[in-house]
Amino acid sequence: MKTALSALLLLFVLNTNAQEFKTPVDYLDYIGNESDIISRTTWKYTLAVAHSKSARKIDNTRKALVKSIQNAKKKIGALKDGYKGDVEYRDQMLSYLTISENQINEEYDKIIDMQEVAEQSYDFMEAYILARELVNEKINAEVDKLNANQKLFANKYGIQIGENKTELAKKMKISNEVFGNQTDLYLIFFKANITDYNLMQAAEKKDLNAIQQNANALEQFANEGLEKLKTFQAYKNDPLLINATKKALEFYKKEAVELSPKIIAFLMLNEKMEESNTTMNNKKPKDRTKEEIDAFNKLVTEVNKEVGNYNKLNAKFNAEKTTAVNNWNMASENFVSKHVPKD
């Protein structure tokens, strides 16, 4: 599954490296220059998440982001007196950087651990996505505080700060919207997908009760998902991922309604065959009646016939499932690649 961290996007573009400040504007410019570096490094991380399939490249950009935050902390932390003893804005900036570093660095490891088990159940997946979103929310909360303190500082010294967002800020906003839309659709898809997995596991174990329970749940989740899609807002009116989700859910519903009863019927027939075989083996040949032998032979013929039918049906549904899942994954990648800006 793919996501992006929120960036620090202050409302100005700055260009000075002085550490002794003649004016409050110079002071804002210095801190703003550091925030701009972090913003650009964050954007590189977002691009890697959106457009790269290399886990190493994604992790390298994350480490670069952490390094840029650490460098900024060192430089801004060295401003002991802030601006002529006014350190409130500097302290808020340091608070933001500390929390961001912790979330991106330490919390990242926890999220990776959660990601490893996320696909084992819908609850785990939901918890993983929630944890990921909480990281962004904590960082965003600090950004809000930082921007508020920036305005307080500016107002105190009569500085006008423009409200127009930079191009980078706009790109980050777009990427967050795209990933959010994709995540919502993924959860709809995944709820049916993991139930299908549980259904196949139950079939492999020949657990008739579990097969029936998972088949019922699969039909229910497919119907619920299809109902949600009727009112789901397509991002930029692009139906690509919605259509792929719909087709996947339609397949899962078909599997629950058509294939599952066939699986149960075949397993019951096979079970009957095994029981009959056990009964026959427990009798000496001379004790077996003609009726028992005829019934057993008829059952063998029926099972042999159904094995062929069952294997054909399984192969058909497996092929359809592979197509539906591959199409969803491809649509998801194309959706993100199409809508997240590339530079």
Protein backbone atom coordinates (compact mmCIF):
# COMPACT_ATOMS: atom_id res chain seq x y z
CA MET A 1 0.00 0.00 0.00
CA LYS A 2 1.54 3.78 -0.73
CA THR A 3 1.33 7.17 1.28
CA ALA A 4 2.98 10.62 1.75
CA LEU A 5 4.04 12.60 4.80
CA SER A 6 2.88 16.18 5.21
CA ALA A 7 5.45 18.86 4.47
CA LEU A 8 6.36 22.00 6.35
CA LEU A 9 5.11 24.67 3.99
CA LEU A 10 5.49 28.17 5.39
CA LEU A 11 4.16 31.16 3.58
CA PHE A 12 7.32 32.82 2.32
CA VAL A 13 10.39 32.22 0.13
CA LEU A 14 13.73 33.28 1.67
CA ASN A 15 17.32 33.74 0.62
CA THR A 16 19.69 34.83 3.40
CA ASN A 17 22.14 32.83 5.49
CA ALA A 18 23.06 35.50 8.06
CA GLN A 19 22.97 34.52 11.72
CA GLU A 20 23.17 38.05 13.11
CA PHE A 21 20.02 39.82 12.19
CA LYS A 22 19.70 43.53 11.59
CA THR A 23 15.95 43.32 10.98
CA PRO A 24 13.12 40.93 11.94
CA VAL A 25 12.69 40.19 8.21
CA ASP A 26 16.26 38.85 8.11
CA TYR A 27 15.43 36.62 11.06
CA LEU A 28 12.29 35.27 9.37
CA ASP A 29 14.22 34.77 6.16
CA TYR A 30 16.89 32.70 7.88
CA ILE A 31 14.43 30.34 9.55
CA GLY A 32 12.31 30.24 6.41
CA ASN A 33 15.28 29.17 4.32
CA GLU A 34 15.71 26.10 6.53
CA SER A 35 12.01 25.28 6.34
CA ASP A 36 12.14 25.56 2.56
CA ILE A 37 14.95 22.98 2.40
CA ILE A 38 12.85 20.59 4.49
CA SER A 39 9.84 21.19 2.27
CA ARG A 40 11.80 20.30 -0.85
CA THR A 41 13.30 17.20 0.74
CA THR A 42 9.83 16.12 1.83
CA TRP A 43 8.62 16.57 -1.71
CA LYS A 44 11.39 14.28 -2.96
CA TYR A 45 10.19 11.68 -0.45
CA THR A 46 6.62 12.09 -1.70
CA LEU A 47 7.76 11.63 -5.29
CA ALA A 48 9.64 8.46 -4.37
CA VAL A 49 6.57 7.02 -2.65
CA ALA A 50 4.34 7.92 -5.59
CA HIS A 51 6.53 7.00 -8.53
CA SER A 52 9.24 4.58 -7.38
CA LYS A 53 8.93 0.82 -6.92
CA SER A 54 12.29 0.66 -5.14
CA ALA A 55 11.97 0.26 -1.37
CA ARG A 56 15.64 1.26 -1.05
CA LYS A 57 15.09 4.52 -2.94
CA ILE A 58 12.05 5.35 -0.80
CA ASP A 59 13.96 4.67 2.42
CA ASN A 60 16.97 6.66 1.20
CA THR A 61 14.78 9.71 0.58
CA ARG A 62 13.24 9.25 4.03
CA LYS A 63 16.73 9.23 5.59
CA ALA A 64 17.62 12.34 3.60
CA LEU A 65 14.51 14.02 4.99
CA VAL A 66 15.51 13.12 8.56
CA LYS A 67 19.01 14.47 7.90
CA SER A 68 17.65 17.78 6.60
CA ILE A 69 15.53 18.12 9.75
CA GLN A 70 18.55 17.41 11.95
CA ASN A 71 20.63 20.00 10.09
CA ALA A 72 17.88 22.58 10.48
CA LYS A 73 17.61 21.82 14.22
CA LYS A 74 21.33 22.40 14.62
CA LYS A 75 21.30 25.74 12.79
CA ILE A 76 18.14 27.10 14.38
CA GLY A 77 19.10 25.78 17.81
CA ALA A 78 22.27 27.87 17.54
CA LEU A 79 20.15 31.05 17.47
CA LYS A 80 20.36 31.33 21.26
CA ASP A 81 18.85 34.82 21.47
CA GLY A 82 16.37 34.45 18.65
CA TYR A 83 15.72 37.93 17.42
CA LYS A 84 17.00 40.35 20.06
CA GLY A 85 15.92 38.03 22.87
CA ASP A 86 12.59 37.09 21.30
CA VAL A 87 12.83 33.28 21.09
CA GLU A 88 9.17 32.20 20.95
CA TYR A 89 9.09 31.64 17.19
CA ARG A 90 12.47 29.89 17.26
CA ASP A 91 11.30 27.59 20.05
CA GLN A 92 8.13 26.68 18.16
CA MET A 93 10.22 25.88 15.09
CA LEU A 94 12.48 23.62 17.17
CA SER A 95 9.43 21.91 18.66
CA TYR A 96 8.10 21.22 15.18
CA LEU A 97 11.43 19.86 13.99
CA THR A 98 11.83 17.61 17.04
CA ILE A 99 8.35 16.13 16.70
CA SER A 100 8.76 15.72 12.94
CA GLU A 101 12.07 13.94 13.33
CA ASN A 102 10.59 11.60 15.92
CA GLN A 103 7.54 10.81 13.80
CA ILE A 104 9.44 10.31 10.56
CA ASN A 105 12.33 8.41 12.14
CA GLU A 106 11.18 6.46 15.20
CA GLU A 107 7.48 6.12 14.35
CA TYR A 108 8.47 4.98 10.85
CA ASP A 109 9.94 1.76 12.31
CA LYS A 110 6.72 1.07 14.20
CA ILE A 111 4.68 1.65 11.06
CA ILE A 112 6.93 -0.69 9.07
CA ASP A 113 6.35 -3.38 11.73
CA MET A 114 2.61 -2.83 11.45
CA GLN A 115 2.82 -2.94 7.66
CA GLU A 116 4.37 -6.41 7.83
CA VAL A 117 1.23 -7.84 9.46
CA ALA A 118 -1.32 -5.43 7.97
CA GLU A 119 -2.36 -7.76 5.18
CA GLN A 120 -3.24 -10.55 7.62
CA SER A 121 -6.62 -9.01 8.46
CA TYR A 122 -8.82 -6.01 7.73
CA ASP A 123 -8.51 -4.82 11.34
CA PHE A 124 -4.70 -4.88 11.11
CA MET A 125 -4.80 -3.00 7.82
CA GLU A 126 -7.15 -0.38 9.24
CA ALA A 127 -4.89 0.03 12.29
CA TYR A 128 -1.84 0.42 10.07
CA ILE A 129 -3.49 3.11 7.95
CA LEU A 130 -4.76 4.89 11.08
CA ALA A 131 -1.25 4.90 12.58
CA ARG A 132 0.11 6.32 9.35
CA GLU A 133 -2.51 9.07 9.33
CA LEU A 134 -1.84 9.92 12.99
CA VAL A 135 1.79 10.63 12.13
CA ASN A 136 0.65 13.13 9.52
CA GLU A 137 -1.89 14.67 11.90
CA LYS A 138 0.74 15.23 14.60
CA ILE A 139 3.07 16.90 12.12
CA ASN A 140 0.23 19.00 10.70
CA ALA A 141 -0.73 20.14 14.19
CA GLU A 142 2.81 21.40 14.73
CA VAL A 143 2.78 23.13 11.34
CA ASP A 144 -0.39 24.96 12.36
CA LYS A 145 1.24 26.09 15.62
CA LEU A 146 4.34 27.15 13.73
CA ASN A 147 2.41 29.19 11.19
CA ALA A 148 0.41 30.82 14.00
CA ASN A 149 3.62 31.80 15.82
CA GLN A 150 5.09 33.06 12.56
CA LYS A 151 2.12 35.39 12.14
CA LEU A 152 2.37 36.54 15.77
CA PHE A 153 6.04 37.38 15.26
CA ALA A 154 5.29 39.17 11.99
CA ASN A 155 2.45 41.18 13.52
CA LYS A 156 4.63 42.14 16.48
CA TYR A 157 7.20 43.69 14.14
CA GLY A 158 4.80 45.01 11.49
CA ILE A 159 5.80 42.52 8.79
CA GLN A 160 3.37 41.62 6.02
CA ILE A 161 3.35 37.93 5.06
CA GLY A 162 1.67 36.84 1.84
CA GLU A 163 -1.04 34.20 2.09
CA ASN A 164 -0.49 32.65 -1.35
CA LYS A 165 0.80 29.11 -1.20
CA THR A 166 3.94 28.19 -3.10
CA GLU A 167 3.90 25.75 -6.02
CA LEU A 168 5.48 23.18 -3.73
CA ALA A 169 2.67 23.61 -1.21
CA LYS A 170 0.10 23.08 -3.96
CA LYS A 171 1.84 19.90 -5.10
CA MET A 172 1.91 18.51 -1.56
CA LYS A 173 -1.78 19.28 -1.14
CA ILE A 174 -2.56 17.45 -4.37
CA SER A 175 -0.48 14.42 -3.41
CA ASN A 176 -2.22 14.13 -0.04
CA GLU A 177 -5.62 14.27 -1.74
CA VAL A 178 -4.60 11.59 -4.24
CA PHE A 179 -3.22 9.24 -1.61
CA GLY A 180 -6.29 9.78 0.56
CA ASN A 181 -8.62 8.90 -2.32
CA GLN A 182 -6.56 5.83 -3.18
CA THR A 183 -6.51 4.66 0.45
CA ASP A 184 -10.29 4.90 0.77
CA LEU A 185 -10.75 2.73 -2.32
CA TYR A 186 -8.06 0.32 -1.20
CA LEU A 187 -9.86 -0.35 2.09
CA ILE A 188 -13.06 -1.16 0.20
CA PHE A 189 -11.12 -3.53 -2.07
CA PHE A 190 -9.03 -5.04 0.72
CA LYS A 191 -12.00 -5.95 2.92
CA ALA A 192 -13.24 -8.31 0.20
CA ASN A 193 -9.74 -9.36 -0.83
CA ILE A 194 -8.70 -10.59 2.64
CA THR A 195 -12.05 -12.37 3.08
CA ASP A 196 -11.45 -14.16 -0.21
CA TYR A 197 -8.06 -15.27 1.13
CA ASN A 198 -9.70 -16.62 4.29
CA LEU A 199 -12.27 -18.42 2.14
CA MET A 200 -9.55 -20.14 0.10
CA GLN A 201 -7.71 -21.11 3.29
CA ALA A 202 -10.89 -22.68 4.65
CA ALA A 203 -11.36 -24.59 1.38
CA GLU A 204 -7.80 -25.88 1.56
CA LYS A 205 -8.44 -27.14 5.09
CA LYS A 206 -11.80 -28.62 3.99
CA ASP A 207 -13.53 -26.72 6.80
CA LEU A 208 -17.14 -26.60 5.60
CA ASN A 209 -18.37 -24.26 8.34
CA ALA A 210 -15.54 -21.79 7.74
CA ILE A 211 -16.14 -21.93 3.99
CA GLN A 212 -19.80 -21.04 4.44
CA GLN A 213 -19.07 -18.27 6.96
CA ASN A 214 -16.43 -16.65 4.76
CA ALA A 215 -18.59 -17.01 1.65
CA ASN A 216 -21.43 -15.20 3.44
CA ALA A 217 -19.04 -12.49 4.66
CA LEU A 218 -17.52 -12.12 1.18
CA GLU A 219 -20.93 -11.60 -0.42
CA GLN A 220 -21.83 -9.09 2.30
CA PHE A 221 -18.59 -7.08 1.97
CA ALA A 222 -18.81 -7.10 -1.82
CA ASN A 223 -22.37 -5.76 -1.67
CA GLU A 224 -21.41 -3.13 0.91
CA GLY A 225 -18.47 -2.03 -1.21
CA LEU A 226 -20.53 -1.81 -4.38
CA GLU A 227 -23.07 0.31 -2.53
CA LYS A 228 -20.33 2.69 -1.30
CA LEU A 229 -18.98 3.06 -4.82
CA LYS A 230 -22.34 4.43 -6.01
CA THR A 231 -21.72 7.65 -4.08
CA PHE A 232 -17.91 7.63 -3.97
CA GLN A 233 -16.46 10.89 -5.25
CA ALA A 234 -13.97 10.22 -8.03
CA TYR A 235 -10.82 12.30 -7.81
CA LYS A 236 -10.87 14.88 -10.61
CA ASN A 237 -13.73 12.85 -12.13
CA ASP A 238 -11.27 10.06 -12.93
CA PRO A 239 -13.18 6.74 -12.73
CA LEU A 240 -10.09 4.55 -13.27
CA LEU A 241 -9.66 3.19 -9.74
CA ILE A 242 -13.37 3.18 -8.95
CA ASN A 243 -14.04 1.01 -12.01
CA ALA A 244 -11.24 -1.39 -11.09
CA THR A 245 -12.61 -1.64 -7.55
CA LYS A 246 -16.11 -2.27 -8.86
CA LYS A 247 -14.96 -5.07 -11.16
CA ALA A 248 -13.00 -6.71 -8.35
CA LEU A 249 -16.01 -6.58 -6.02
CA GLU A 250 -18.28 -7.98 -8.72
CA PHE A 251 -15.88 -10.89 -9.11
CA TYR A 252 -15.75 -11.53 -5.36
CA LYS A 253 -19.54 -11.52 -5.17
CA LYS A 254 -19.70 -13.98 -8.05
CA GLU A 255 -17.17 -16.20 -6.31
CA ALA A 256 -19.18 -16.16 -3.08
CA VAL A 257 -22.47 -16.91 -4.81
CA GLU A 258 -21.39 -19.33 -7.56
CA LEU A 259 -18.07 -20.97 -6.62
CA SER A 260 -18.49 -21.42 -2.87
CA PRO A 261 -21.56 -23.71 -3.08
CA LYS A 262 -19.68 -25.82 -5.66
CA ILE A 263 -16.71 -26.10 -3.31
CA ILE A 264 -18.95 -27.21 -0.44
CA ALA A 265 -20.83 -29.71 -2.63
CA PHE A 266 -17.59 -31.21 -3.96
CA LEU A 267 -16.03 -31.51 -0.50
CA MET A 268 -19.19 -33.13 0.86
CA LEU A 269 -19.15 -35.62 -2.02
CA ASN A 270 -15.48 -36.32 -1.39
CA GLU A 271 -16.17 -36.78 2.30
CA LYS A 272 -18.96 -39.20 1.49
CA MET A 273 -16.57 -41.09 -0.77
CA GLU A 274 -13.93 -41.32 1.96
CA GLU A 275 -16.49 -42.56 4.48
CA SER A 276 -17.75 -45.17 2.03
CA ASN A 277 -14.20 -46.25 1.28
CA THR A 278 -13.50 -46.62 4.99
CA THR A 279 -16.66 -48.70 5.46
CA MET A 280 -15.72 -50.99 2.57
CA ASN A 281 -12.16 -51.43 3.81
CA ASN A 282 -13.41 -52.34 7.26
CA LYS A 283 -15.31 -55.29 5.77
CA LYS A 284 -13.84 -58.48 4.46
CA PRO A 285 -14.46 -58.94 0.71
CA LYS A 286 -16.80 -61.88 1.38
CA ASP A 287 -18.93 -59.72 3.68
CA ARG A 288 -19.52 -56.95 1.11
CA THR A 289 -22.95 -57.11 -0.53
CA LYS A 290 -23.51 -56.53 -4.25
CA GLU A 291 -25.60 -53.46 -3.42
CA GLU A 292 -22.74 -51.98 -1.37
CA ILE A 293 -20.20 -52.66 -4.11
CA ASP A 294 -22.47 -51.18 -6.80
CA ALA A 295 -23.15 -48.09 -4.68
CA PHE A 296 -19.44 -47.64 -3.98
CA ASN A 297 -18.48 -48.01 -7.66
CA LYS A 298 -21.17 -45.54 -8.64
CA LEU A 299 -19.83 -43.10 -6.08
CA VAL A 300 -16.28 -43.54 -7.41
CA THR A 301 -17.49 -42.78 -10.94
CA GLU A 302 -19.34 -39.70 -9.75
CA VAL A 303 -16.33 -38.39 -7.79
CA ASN A 304 -13.99 -38.94 -10.74
CA LYS A 305 -16.35 -37.00 -12.98
CA GLU A 306 -16.73 -34.17 -10.45
CA VAL A 307 -12.96 -33.89 -9.93
CA GLY A 308 -12.61 -32.84 -13.56
CA ASN A 309 -15.51 -30.39 -13.35
CA TYR A 310 -14.25 -28.99 -10.05
CA ASN A 311 -10.71 -28.47 -11.37
CA LYS A 312 -12.02 -26.69 -14.48
CA LEU A 313 -14.25 -24.45 -12.38
CA ASN A 314 -11.41 -23.66 -9.99
CA ALA A 315 -9.07 -22.83 -12.85
CA LYS A 316 -11.68 -20.53 -14.38
CA PHE A 317 -12.26 -18.60 -11.17
CA ASN A 318 -8.55 -18.41 -10.37
CA ALA A 319 -7.88 -16.89 -13.78
CA GLU A 320 -10.67 -14.34 -13.28
CA LYS A 321 -9.38 -13.51 -9.81
CA THR A 322 -5.83 -12.99 -11.05
CA THR A 323 -7.11 -10.63 -13.73
CA ALA A 324 -9.28 -8.67 -11.28
CA VAL A 325 -6.51 -8.27 -8.68
CA ASN A 326 -3.81 -7.46 -11.24
CA ASN A 327 -6.10 -4.90 -12.86
CA TRP A 328 -6.76 -3.28 -9.48
CA ASN A 329 -3.05 -3.07 -8.66
CA MET A 330 -2.25 -1.66 -12.08
CA ALA A 331 -5.09 0.86 -11.86
CA SER A 332 -3.89 1.92 -8.41
CA GLU A 333 -0.33 2.52 -9.62
CA ASN A 334 -1.52 4.36 -12.73
CA PHE A 335 -3.94 6.46 -10.68
CA VAL A 336 -1.22 7.65 -8.31
CA SER A 337 1.32 8.13 -11.09
CA LYS A 338 -1.18 10.12 -13.14
CA HIS A 339 -2.36 12.53 -10.44
CA VAL A 340 0.65 13.07 -8.16
CA PRO A 341 2.83 15.74 -9.81
CA LYS A 342 6.15 14.36 -11.07
CA ASP A 343 8.35 17.38 -10.43
